């Protein structure tokens, strides 16, 4: 399997990796600032009365300038307040995430009649009353969101929800990530790109809703059919794991898995059968069979790099975390499964001294990811410039909560058995040593952080002084991680 957007790197090409990261190709942020303009939504003007010309860009997603390097954007959304109130009420009532119609203006370009809805799981608990805060506007500080501050909410933006075929620069969907400025998530995405693994592109923006004060927010490419079809130069199928999914065999009826694994492409020709077949084998294979036959089902080299990357980034909310954050790629040529990371907003916020052999987890012991220093139910944003979601549900759930567990419990049998197997230890160690040099030993992480921080825009919610402080905190984490692993990584 060869990557089209991403070139697999080794320590022998670290210099190229660093140059690659700093020149873009999706790891950078945003477009030419001269393109920015006054937003109709930012002034509260209804989109149909705005002076901007509504447009659907004809460029492809791969050619999108939204994710170009070394600039930030201006984004505003306008929606009907009654529609917004209904969306919040629906979520408060039963957790449903209803779509509403809105208009979005990106750098002066208006795209009318888009769809937006709430996006997230534990992040949104404070809105429903299931998390640390009260319902509605009484959100917990740890999640950093409030329905009284609509510009703080994480959203899924869908350009063709109400207008069939409408896109922005070939993009169908964007994820407006929670928190500000989440330097850790941007850096983790950039480092995954440098490592040669499939990831998502991102951009920084100042953001407002109906003329509200601005916030500094991160926009991330939301995987969809076009994303899936462009990932690799071989045909395959991409499946998204649901937060309530269980990575377990539950019988042969494909309908059982339909809400647990969303198929993003090739729906006319493929289905969930490869995933179900693999889960059945995994449930029946003893340790000897697992070691001998895993390579028939999984791209072992790719999976070793995924697992090593999650450890290097100290990400306790990956495929084995309570959020079940991952995509499965099934290559139709090799008939093997790979794992693609998603939702890295808790990366690089845990124990910087975690060893290569420690299982990073949310709320776990040892080298696990703990509640960020200074964060409690009623005080303090976490360190490393992250302000990530670290609600009670996430903190209390360790990834060692049970093999194959889902639905917020954490745990994943594939990852746990792989890391416990002596057969695959050498593959993991080699991947870890290689990626340590690419990401940390070479100085790439520190260099990328400076490059990213230089283009993060200040806003009403984020001052330059606050950004500098959070950058320094994340820089300290990078240095501590580099030093801690230097003598532990096997060459």
Protein backbone atom coordinates (compact mmCIF):
# COMPACT_ATOMS: atom_id res chain seq x y z
CA UNK A 1 0.00 0.00 0.00
CA UNK A 2 1.56 3.29 -1.05
CA UNK A 3 0.46 6.66 0.24
CA UNK A 4 -0.41 9.35 -2.25
CA UNK A 5 -0.52 12.33 0.12
CA UNK A 6 1.93 10.93 2.60
CA UNK A 7 5.42 9.53 2.10
CA UNK A 8 6.63 6.95 4.60
CA UNK A 9 9.74 8.32 6.26
CA UNK A 10 12.63 6.82 8.19
CA UNK A 11 15.37 8.25 10.35
CA UNK A 12 17.64 8.33 7.33
CA UNK A 13 15.50 11.06 5.80
CA UNK A 14 14.85 13.19 8.86
CA UNK A 15 16.12 16.32 7.16
CA UNK A 16 13.61 15.83 4.38
CA UNK A 17 10.85 15.18 6.91
CA UNK A 18 11.52 18.45 8.66
CA UNK A 19 11.59 20.41 5.40
CA UNK A 20 8.41 18.65 4.30
CA UNK A 21 6.65 19.64 7.51
CA UNK A 22 7.65 23.27 7.26
CA UNK A 23 6.68 23.68 3.64
CA UNK A 24 3.15 22.37 4.02
CA UNK A 25 1.36 19.57 2.14
CA UNK A 26 -1.48 19.64 4.62
CA UNK A 27 0.47 19.87 7.84
CA UNK A 28 0.36 23.66 7.86
CA UNK A 29 -2.40 26.15 8.34
CA UNK A 30 -4.52 28.29 6.10
CA UNK A 31 -4.35 30.76 3.22
CA UNK A 32 -3.11 34.14 2.08
CA UNK A 33 -4.24 36.72 4.64
CA UNK A 34 -4.92 39.19 1.87
CA UNK A 35 -7.91 37.07 0.92
CA UNK A 36 -9.65 37.80 4.20
CA UNK A 37 -12.69 40.02 4.13
CA UNK A 38 -15.60 41.23 6.22
CA UNK A 39 -18.04 38.47 7.04
CA UNK A 40 -21.78 38.85 6.70
CA UNK A 41 -22.29 36.57 9.69
CA UNK A 42 -19.82 38.49 11.82
CA UNK A 43 -21.97 41.58 11.50
CA UNK A 44 -25.16 39.67 12.13
CA UNK A 45 -26.38 40.46 8.61
CA UNK A 46 -28.58 37.74 7.13
CA UNK A 47 -26.73 35.90 4.41
CA UNK A 48 -29.37 36.53 1.77
CA UNK A 49 -28.84 40.28 2.26
CA UNK A 50 -25.05 40.13 2.35
CA UNK A 51 -22.88 41.77 -0.26
CA UNK A 52 -20.51 38.83 -0.61
CA UNK A 53 -21.07 36.65 -3.61
CA UNK A 54 -22.27 33.17 -2.76
CA UNK A 55 -19.97 30.64 -4.35
CA UNK A 56 -19.20 26.99 -4.64
CA UNK A 57 -15.52 26.63 -5.38
CA UNK A 58 -14.56 24.47 -8.33
CA UNK A 59 -11.21 23.36 -6.96
CA UNK A 60 -10.86 19.84 -5.59
CA UNK A 61 -10.31 19.07 -1.93
CA UNK A 62 -6.70 18.13 -2.71
CA UNK A 63 -6.16 21.59 -4.25
CA UNK A 64 -7.85 23.47 -1.40
CA UNK A 65 -6.06 26.62 -0.28
CA UNK A 66 -7.80 26.43 3.10
CA UNK A 67 -5.01 24.19 4.34
CA UNK A 68 -2.10 26.02 2.75
CA UNK A 69 0.85 26.92 4.95
CA UNK A 70 1.65 30.03 6.95
CA UNK A 71 -1.60 31.97 7.19
CA UNK A 72 -4.77 31.99 9.25
CA UNK A 73 -8.37 32.61 8.29
CA UNK A 74 -11.47 34.54 9.22
CA UNK A 75 -14.63 32.45 9.54
CA UNK A 76 -18.08 33.45 10.71
CA UNK A 77 -21.42 31.69 10.83
CA UNK A 78 -24.92 33.16 10.82
CA UNK A 79 -27.95 31.16 11.90
CA UNK A 80 -31.46 31.84 13.12
CA UNK A 81 -31.48 32.12 16.90
CA UNK A 82 -34.69 30.12 17.18
CA UNK A 83 -33.13 27.29 15.18
CA UNK A 84 -30.10 27.37 17.44
CA UNK A 85 -32.25 27.27 20.57
CA UNK A 86 -34.07 24.25 19.15
CA UNK A 87 -30.79 22.47 18.42
CA UNK A 88 -29.60 23.00 22.00
CA UNK A 89 -32.95 21.98 23.47
CA UNK A 90 -32.92 18.74 21.47
CA UNK A 91 -29.47 17.86 22.75
CA UNK A 92 -30.38 18.73 26.32
CA UNK A 93 -33.50 16.57 26.08
CA UNK A 94 -32.05 13.32 24.77
CA UNK A 95 -28.55 13.89 23.39
CA UNK A 96 -29.71 14.12 19.78
CA UNK A 97 -27.60 16.20 17.41
CA UNK A 98 -30.01 17.90 15.06
CA UNK A 99 -28.98 19.80 11.95
CA UNK A 100 -29.84 23.44 11.42
CA UNK A 101 -29.45 25.62 8.36
CA UNK A 102 -26.82 28.38 8.44
CA UNK A 103 -24.58 30.55 6.26
CA UNK A 104 -20.81 30.56 6.53
CA UNK A 105 -18.34 33.19 5.37
CA UNK A 106 -14.72 32.11 4.92
CA UNK A 107 -12.24 34.87 4.16
CA UNK A 108 -14.98 36.97 2.62
CA UNK A 109 -16.53 34.15 0.57
CA UNK A 110 -20.11 33.41 1.50
CA UNK A 111 -21.48 29.88 1.23
CA UNK A 112 -25.20 29.93 1.97
CA UNK A 113 -27.51 27.22 3.21
CA UNK A 114 -24.98 24.93 4.83
CA UNK A 115 -25.81 22.48 7.61
CA UNK A 116 -24.32 22.61 11.09
CA UNK A 117 -24.79 20.39 14.10
CA UNK A 118 -23.10 19.73 17.41
CA UNK A 119 -20.12 17.40 17.17
CA UNK A 120 -18.51 15.46 19.97
CA UNK A 121 -19.37 13.15 22.81
CA UNK A 122 -17.79 13.70 26.24
CA UNK A 123 -17.01 17.26 25.15
CA UNK A 124 -20.73 17.98 25.01
CA UNK A 125 -21.69 16.39 28.32
CA UNK A 126 -21.84 19.74 30.07
CA UNK A 127 -24.62 20.80 27.69
CA UNK A 128 -26.78 17.80 28.48
CA UNK A 129 -26.18 17.79 32.20
CA UNK A 130 -24.40 14.42 32.05
CA UNK A 131 -20.95 15.83 32.68
CA UNK A 132 -19.30 18.22 35.08
CA UNK A 133 -21.60 21.18 34.50
CA UNK A 134 -25.24 22.02 34.58
CA UNK A 135 -27.52 22.01 31.58
CA UNK A 136 -27.43 24.72 28.99
CA UNK A 137 -25.16 27.65 29.71
CA UNK A 138 -23.75 26.25 32.93
CA UNK A 139 -20.93 24.42 31.21
CA UNK A 140 -17.93 23.05 33.05
CA UNK A 141 -14.74 25.00 32.65
CA UNK A 142 -12.82 21.82 31.85
CA UNK A 143 -14.75 21.35 28.62
CA UNK A 144 -14.56 25.05 27.81
CA UNK A 145 -17.97 25.21 26.15
CA UNK A 146 -21.32 26.79 26.91
CA UNK A 147 -24.56 27.10 24.98
CA UNK A 148 -24.61 30.72 26.16
CA UNK A 149 -21.41 31.16 24.14
CA UNK A 150 -22.31 29.54 20.82
CA UNK A 151 -18.93 30.40 19.31
CA UNK A 152 -17.37 28.02 21.87
CA UNK A 153 -19.22 24.93 20.64
CA UNK A 154 -17.67 22.17 18.52
CA UNK A 155 -19.56 21.77 15.25
CA UNK A 156 -19.72 19.62 12.16
CA UNK A 157 -20.05 21.84 9.09
CA UNK A 158 -21.65 20.23 6.03
CA UNK A 159 -21.66 22.30 2.84
CA UNK A 160 -24.06 20.08 0.90
CA UNK A 161 -26.50 19.17 3.66
CA UNK A 162 -29.20 21.39 2.13
CA UNK A 163 -27.73 22.15 -1.31
CA UNK A 164 -26.86 18.97 -3.15
CA UNK A 165 -23.28 18.99 -4.43
CA UNK A 166 -22.30 22.28 -2.78
CA UNK A 167 -18.70 22.40 -1.60
CA UNK A 168 -16.07 24.84 -0.47
CA UNK A 169 -12.88 24.36 -2.49
CA UNK A 170 -13.96 20.77 -3.09
CA UNK A 171 -14.51 20.12 0.61
CA UNK A 172 -17.82 18.71 1.77
CA UNK A 173 -17.34 18.76 5.53
CA UNK A 174 -15.21 20.48 8.16
CA UNK A 175 -14.92 19.81 11.86
CA UNK A 176 -14.75 22.86 14.12
CA UNK A 177 -12.69 21.48 16.98
CA UNK A 178 -13.32 22.19 20.68
CA UNK A 179 -10.95 24.37 22.66
CA UNK A 180 -8.65 27.28 21.91
CA UNK A 181 -5.99 27.28 20.61
CA UNK A 182 -5.36 23.50 20.98
CA UNK A 183 -1.73 23.75 19.88
CA UNK A 184 -1.26 20.16 20.95
CA UNK A 185 -3.86 18.90 18.47
CA UNK A 186 -2.44 20.91 15.58
CA UNK A 187 1.08 19.73 16.38
CA UNK A 188 -0.03 16.11 16.73
CA UNK A 189 -1.71 16.29 13.32
CA UNK A 190 1.42 17.81 11.79
CA UNK A 191 3.67 15.19 13.36
CA UNK A 192 1.44 12.37 12.14
CA UNK A 193 1.76 13.84 8.66
CA UNK A 194 5.55 13.97 8.96
CA UNK A 195 5.62 10.37 10.14
CA UNK A 196 4.22 9.31 6.77
CA UNK A 197 0.85 8.17 8.10
CA UNK A 198 -2.56 9.19 6.86
CA UNK A 199 -4.04 12.04 8.86
CA UNK A 200 -6.28 15.08 8.42
CA UNK A 201 -5.41 18.60 7.27
CA UNK A 202 -6.17 21.59 9.47
CA UNK A 203 -6.31 25.38 9.54
CA UNK A 204 -6.48 28.06 12.23
CA UNK A 205 -9.13 30.74 12.14
CA UNK A 206 -10.68 33.57 14.07
CA UNK A 207 -14.28 32.55 14.44
CA UNK A 208 -17.58 34.18 15.42
CA UNK A 209 -21.30 33.45 15.38
CA UNK A 210 -23.94 36.11 14.62
CA UNK A 211 -21.52 38.93 15.31
CA UNK A 212 -20.21 37.50 18.58
CA UNK A 213 -16.73 38.16 20.02
CA UNK A 214 -14.13 36.15 18.18
CA UNK A 215 -12.41 32.97 19.30
CA UNK A 216 -9.30 31.31 17.93
CA UNK A 217 -10.41 27.89 16.67
CA UNK A 218 -9.02 24.95 14.77
CA UNK A 219 -10.77 23.67 11.63
CA UNK A 220 -9.97 20.07 10.70
CA UNK A 221 -10.76 18.16 7.53
CA UNK A 222 -13.64 15.83 8.36
CA UNK A 223 -13.19 12.46 6.65
CA UNK A 224 -15.89 11.81 4.07
CA UNK A 225 -16.24 9.93 0.79
CA UNK A 226 -13.83 12.20 -1.10
CA UNK A 227 -11.28 11.92 1.70
CA UNK A 228 -11.55 8.13 1.68
CA UNK A 229 -11.16 7.89 -2.08
CA UNK A 230 -8.03 10.04 -2.09
CA UNK A 231 -6.11 8.51 0.83
CA UNK A 232 -4.08 5.89 -1.01
CA UNK A 233 -3.19 4.90 -4.55
CA UNK A 234 -4.96 1.58 -4.13
CA UNK A 235 -8.71 1.17 -3.79
CA UNK A 236 -10.11 0.59 -0.36
CA UNK A 237 -12.94 1.19 2.07
CA UNK A 238 -12.86 3.56 5.03
CA UNK A 239 -14.91 2.92 8.17
CA UNK A 240 -15.38 5.35 11.06
CA UNK A 241 -15.72 3.92 14.54
CA UNK A 242 -18.58 5.34 16.59
CA UNK A 243 -17.89 6.48 20.14
CA UNK A 244 -20.35 3.84 21.40
CA UNK A 245 -18.93 1.05 19.24
CA UNK A 246 -17.53 -2.20 20.52
CA UNK A 247 -14.54 -3.74 18.79
CA UNK A 248 -15.96 -7.22 19.29
CA UNK A 249 -17.57 -9.95 17.22
CA UNK A 250 -21.35 -9.86 17.73
CA UNK A 251 -22.58 -12.37 15.18
CA UNK A 252 -22.75 -12.44 11.40
CA UNK A 253 -25.62 -10.01 10.88
CA UNK A 254 -24.07 -6.91 9.30
CA UNK A 255 -26.94 -4.77 10.55
CA UNK A 256 -25.63 -5.26 14.07
CA UNK A 257 -22.55 -3.26 13.21
CA UNK A 258 -24.16 -0.58 11.04
CA UNK A 259 -24.29 2.10 13.73
CA UNK A 260 -20.93 1.11 15.19
CA UNK A 261 -18.85 1.43 12.03
CA UNK A 262 -19.95 4.01 9.47
CA UNK A 263 -18.83 3.17 5.95
CA UNK A 264 -17.70 6.35 4.19
CA UNK A 265 -17.15 5.20 0.60
CA UNK A 266 -17.73 2.41 -1.93
CA UNK A 267 -21.21 1.79 -0.55
CA UNK A 268 -22.47 0.57 -3.92
CA UNK A 269 -19.91 -2.22 -4.11
CA UNK A 270 -18.63 -2.96 -0.60
CA UNK A 271 -20.01 -3.42 2.91
CA UNK A 272 -18.95 -4.16 6.48
CA UNK A 273 -18.11 -7.80 5.84
CA UNK A 274 -14.30 -7.37 6.04
CA UNK A 275 -14.61 -5.79 9.49
CA UNK A 276 -16.97 -8.48 10.75
CA UNK A 277 -14.77 -11.27 9.37
CA UNK A 278 -11.75 -9.82 11.13
CA UNK A 279 -13.56 -9.39 14.44
CA UNK A 280 -14.75 -12.98 14.25
CA UNK A 281 -11.21 -14.24 13.64
CA UNK A 282 -9.86 -12.04 16.44
CA UNK A 283 -12.42 -13.40 18.90
CA UNK A 284 -11.58 -17.02 18.05
CA UNK A 285 -7.79 -16.86 17.61
CA UNK A 286 -5.71 -18.11 20.52
CA UNK A 287 -2.37 -16.43 21.19
CA UNK A 288 -0.46 -18.79 18.91
CA UNK A 289 -2.93 -18.23 16.07
CA UNK A 290 -2.90 -14.50 16.69
CA UNK A 291 0.87 -14.37 16.30
CA UNK A 292 0.94 -16.63 13.26
CA UNK A 293 -2.03 -15.21 11.33
CA UNK A 294 -2.39 -11.53 12.22
CA UNK A 295 -0.35 -10.49 9.17
CA UNK A 296 -3.00 -12.12 6.98
CA UNK A 297 -5.57 -9.66 8.31
CA UNK A 298 -3.71 -6.53 9.35
CA UNK A 299 -0.93 -4.46 7.78
CA UNK A 300 1.40 -5.19 10.68
CA UNK A 301 4.06 -2.64 9.77
CA UNK A 302 1.47 0.10 9.48
CA UNK A 303 -0.16 -0.92 12.76
CA UNK A 304 3.18 -0.95 14.56
CA UNK A 305 3.75 2.62 13.43
CA UNK A 306 0.27 3.64 14.54
CA UNK A 307 0.74 2.14 18.00
CA UNK A 308 4.21 3.66 18.34
CA UNK A 309 2.94 7.08 17.28
CA UNK A 310 0.17 7.02 19.88
CA UNK A 311 2.77 6.28 22.55
CA UNK A 312 5.16 8.95 21.29
CA UNK A 313 2.35 11.51 21.28
CA UNK A 314 1.10 10.29 24.68
CA UNK A 315 -2.40 10.01 23.27
CA UNK A 316 -4.61 8.14 25.74
CA UNK A 317 -7.79 8.53 23.71
CA UNK A 318 -6.92 6.61 20.55
CA UNK A 319 -8.56 3.40 19.29
CA UNK A 320 -8.27 1.99 22.81
CA UNK A 321 -9.51 5.10 24.57
CA UNK A 322 -13.00 5.86 25.83
CA UNK A 323 -13.75 7.93 22.73
CA UNK A 324 -13.03 5.07 20.30
CA UNK A 325 -11.22 7.55 18.06
CA UNK A 326 -10.02 5.80 14.93
CA UNK A 327 -10.81 4.87 11.33
CA UNK A 328 -10.33 1.46 9.76
CA UNK A 329 -9.00 1.26 6.22
CA UNK A 330 -9.56 -1.99 4.30
CA UNK A 331 -7.30 -2.27 1.27
CA UNK A 332 -9.14 -4.06 -1.52
CA UNK A 333 -5.87 -5.14 -3.13
CA UNK A 334 -4.01 -6.54 -0.13
CA UNK A 335 -7.17 -7.49 1.79
CA UNK A 336 -5.62 -6.08 4.94
CA UNK A 337 -6.76 -3.58 7.57
CA UNK A 338 -4.91 -0.46 8.71
CA UNK A 339 -5.80 2.04 11.44
CA UNK A 340 -5.95 5.81 10.88
CA UNK A 341 -5.88 8.21 13.82
CA UNK A 342 -8.59 10.76 14.58
CA UNK A 343 -9.33 13.32 17.31
CA UNK A 344 -5.90 14.13 18.73
CA UNK A 345 -7.02 16.85 21.12
CA UNK A 346 -5.74 14.89 24.12
CA UNK A 347 -2.34 14.15 22.60
CA UNK A 348 0.80 15.62 24.19
CA UNK A 349 -0.92 16.50 27.48
CA UNK A 350 -0.06 13.49 29.63
CA UNK A 351 3.06 12.06 31.23
CA UNK A 352 6.02 13.13 29.10
CA UNK A 353 8.16 10.42 30.73
CA UNK A 354 5.95 7.49 29.65
CA UNK A 355 8.22 4.73 28.36
CA UNK A 356 7.79 2.99 24.98
CA UNK A 357 6.39 -0.07 26.78
CA UNK A 358 3.89 1.75 28.96
CA UNK A 359 0.27 1.70 27.89
CA UNK A 360 -0.80 5.32 27.73
CA UNK A 361 -4.31 5.73 29.11
CA UNK A 362 -6.77 8.31 30.35
CA UNK A 363 -6.91 8.05 34.11
CA UNK A 364 -4.68 4.97 34.16
CA UNK A 365 -1.65 4.36 36.29
CA UNK A 366 2.03 4.26 35.45
CA UNK A 367 2.76 6.24 32.34
CA UNK A 368 -0.88 6.81 31.70
CA UNK A 369 -2.48 10.09 30.86
CA UNK A 370 -3.68 11.82 33.99
CA UNK A 371 -5.98 14.79 34.47
CA UNK A 372 -3.83 17.73 33.33
CA UNK A 373 -2.14 19.58 36.16
CA UNK A 374 -4.25 22.30 37.68
CA UNK A 375 -7.46 21.16 36.02
CA UNK A 376 -10.42 20.33 38.21
CA UNK A 377 -14.16 20.41 37.91
CA UNK A 378 -14.28 24.10 38.60
CA UNK A 379 -10.92 25.58 37.73
CA UNK A 380 -8.18 25.95 35.24
CA UNK A 381 -7.45 25.16 31.64
CA UNK A 382 -4.98 22.30 31.07
CA UNK A 383 -1.37 22.87 30.13
CA UNK A 384 0.40 22.60 26.80
CA UNK A 385 -1.90 25.13 25.16
CA UNK A 386 -4.48 22.42 24.84
CA UNK A 387 -7.61 23.27 26.79
CA UNK A 388 -8.75 19.77 25.80
CA UNK A 389 -11.87 17.98 26.84
CA UNK A 390 -10.98 16.04 29.97
CA UNK A 391 -14.37 15.49 31.51
CA UNK A 392 -15.12 13.05 34.32
CA UNK A 393 -16.19 10.39 31.85
CA UNK A 394 -12.90 10.52 30.00
CA UNK A 395 -10.72 10.83 33.07
CA UNK A 396 -12.35 7.96 34.90
CA UNK A 397 -12.11 5.58 31.93
CA UNK A 398 -8.76 3.93 31.39
CA UNK A 399 -7.97 2.13 28.17
CA UNK A 400 -7.24 -0.98 30.15
CA UNK A 401 -10.90 -1.23 31.14
CA UNK A 402 -11.36 -4.45 29.23
CA UNK A 403 -10.35 -5.87 25.89
CA UNK A 404 -12.72 -4.93 23.17
CA UNK A 405 -14.68 -2.62 25.39
CA UNK A 406 -16.66 0.17 23.81
CA UNK A 407 -19.31 2.67 24.65
CA UNK A 408 -16.98 4.97 26.57
CA UNK A 409 -15.28 2.23 28.59
CA UNK A 410 -12.14 2.06 26.50
CA UNK A 411 -10.02 -0.91 25.61
CA UNK A 412 -9.25 -2.58 22.29
CA UNK A 413 -8.37 -6.24 21.92
CA UNK A 414 -6.31 -5.79 18.76
CA UNK A 415 -4.03 -3.16 20.24
CA UNK A 416 -3.72 -4.87 23.60
CA UNK A 417 -2.85 -8.28 22.15
CA UNK A 418 -0.47 -6.77 19.63
CA UNK A 419 1.50 -4.90 22.29
CA UNK A 420 1.53 -7.94 24.58
CA UNK A 421 2.88 -10.27 21.89
CA UNK A 422 6.60 -11.08 21.82
CA UNK A 423 6.22 -11.90 18.13
CA UNK A 424 5.46 -8.28 17.26
CA UNK A 425 7.75 -6.66 19.81
CA UNK A 426 10.57 -6.16 17.33
CA UNK A 427 8.25 -4.50 14.79
CA UNK A 428 6.93 -2.12 17.45
CA UNK A 429 10.40 -1.34 18.82
CA UNK A 430 11.75 -0.62 15.34
CA UNK A 431 8.82 1.64 14.52
CA UNK A 432 9.13 3.46 17.84
CA UNK A 433 12.88 4.04 17.45
CA UNK A 434 12.47 5.24 13.88
CA UNK A 435 9.60 7.57 14.68
CA UNK A 436 11.29 8.92 17.79
CA UNK A 437 14.13 10.14 15.62
CA UNK A 438 11.80 11.54 12.96
CA UNK A 439 9.53 13.36 15.41
CA UNK A 440 11.68 14.25 18.41
CA UNK A 441 15.35 13.38 18.03
CA UNK A 442 15.64 15.42 14.85
CA UNK A 443 14.10 18.50 16.45
CA UNK A 444 11.10 18.33 14.13
CA UNK A 445 8.49 18.65 16.90
CA UNK A 446 10.07 21.79 18.32
CA UNK A 447 10.49 23.33 14.88
CA UNK A 448 6.92 22.58 13.90
CA UNK A 449 5.60 24.07 17.12
CA UNK A 450 7.32 27.37 16.38
CA UNK A 451 5.98 27.32 12.82
CA UNK A 452 2.43 26.61 13.97
CA UNK A 453 2.44 29.16 16.80
CA UNK A 454 3.64 31.84 14.39
CA UNK A 455 0.39 31.66 12.41
CA UNK A 456 -2.13 31.15 15.22
CA UNK A 457 -4.26 34.30 15.20
CA UNK A 458 -5.06 36.22 18.35
CA UNK A 459 -8.73 36.95 19.00
CA UNK A 460 -11.07 38.41 21.59
CA UNK A 461 -10.64 35.10 23.45
CA UNK A 462 -6.87 34.62 23.00
CA UNK A 463 -4.17 37.24 23.56
CA UNK A 464 -0.65 37.05 22.19
CA UNK A 465 0.64 36.72 25.76
CA UNK A 466 -1.63 33.73 26.43
CA UNK A 467 -0.54 32.10 23.19
CA UNK A 468 3.12 32.61 24.08
CA UNK A 469 2.60 31.07 27.50
CA UNK A 470 0.85 28.01 26.08
CA UNK A 471 3.50 27.65 23.39
CA UNK A 472 6.20 27.62 26.07
CA UNK A 473 4.31 24.98 28.03
CA UNK A 474 4.05 22.70 25.01
CA UNK A 475 7.71 23.35 24.18
CA UNK A 476 8.59 22.14 27.67
CA UNK A 477 6.57 18.97 27.10
CA UNK A 478 8.45 18.34 23.85
CA UNK A 479 11.81 18.74 25.54
CA UNK A 480 10.81 16.49 28.43
CA UNK A 481 9.50 13.83 26.03
CA UNK A 482 12.66 14.03 23.94
CA UNK A 483 14.93 13.70 26.97
CA UNK A 484 12.90 10.94 28.62
CA UNK A 485 12.94 8.72 25.54
CA UNK A 486 16.48 9.40 24.37
CA UNK A 487 18.04 6.60 26.42
CA UNK A 488 15.03 4.27 26.26
CA UNK A 489 14.59 3.92 22.53
CA UNK A 490 16.36 0.96 21.02
CA UNK A 491 18.22 1.81 17.83
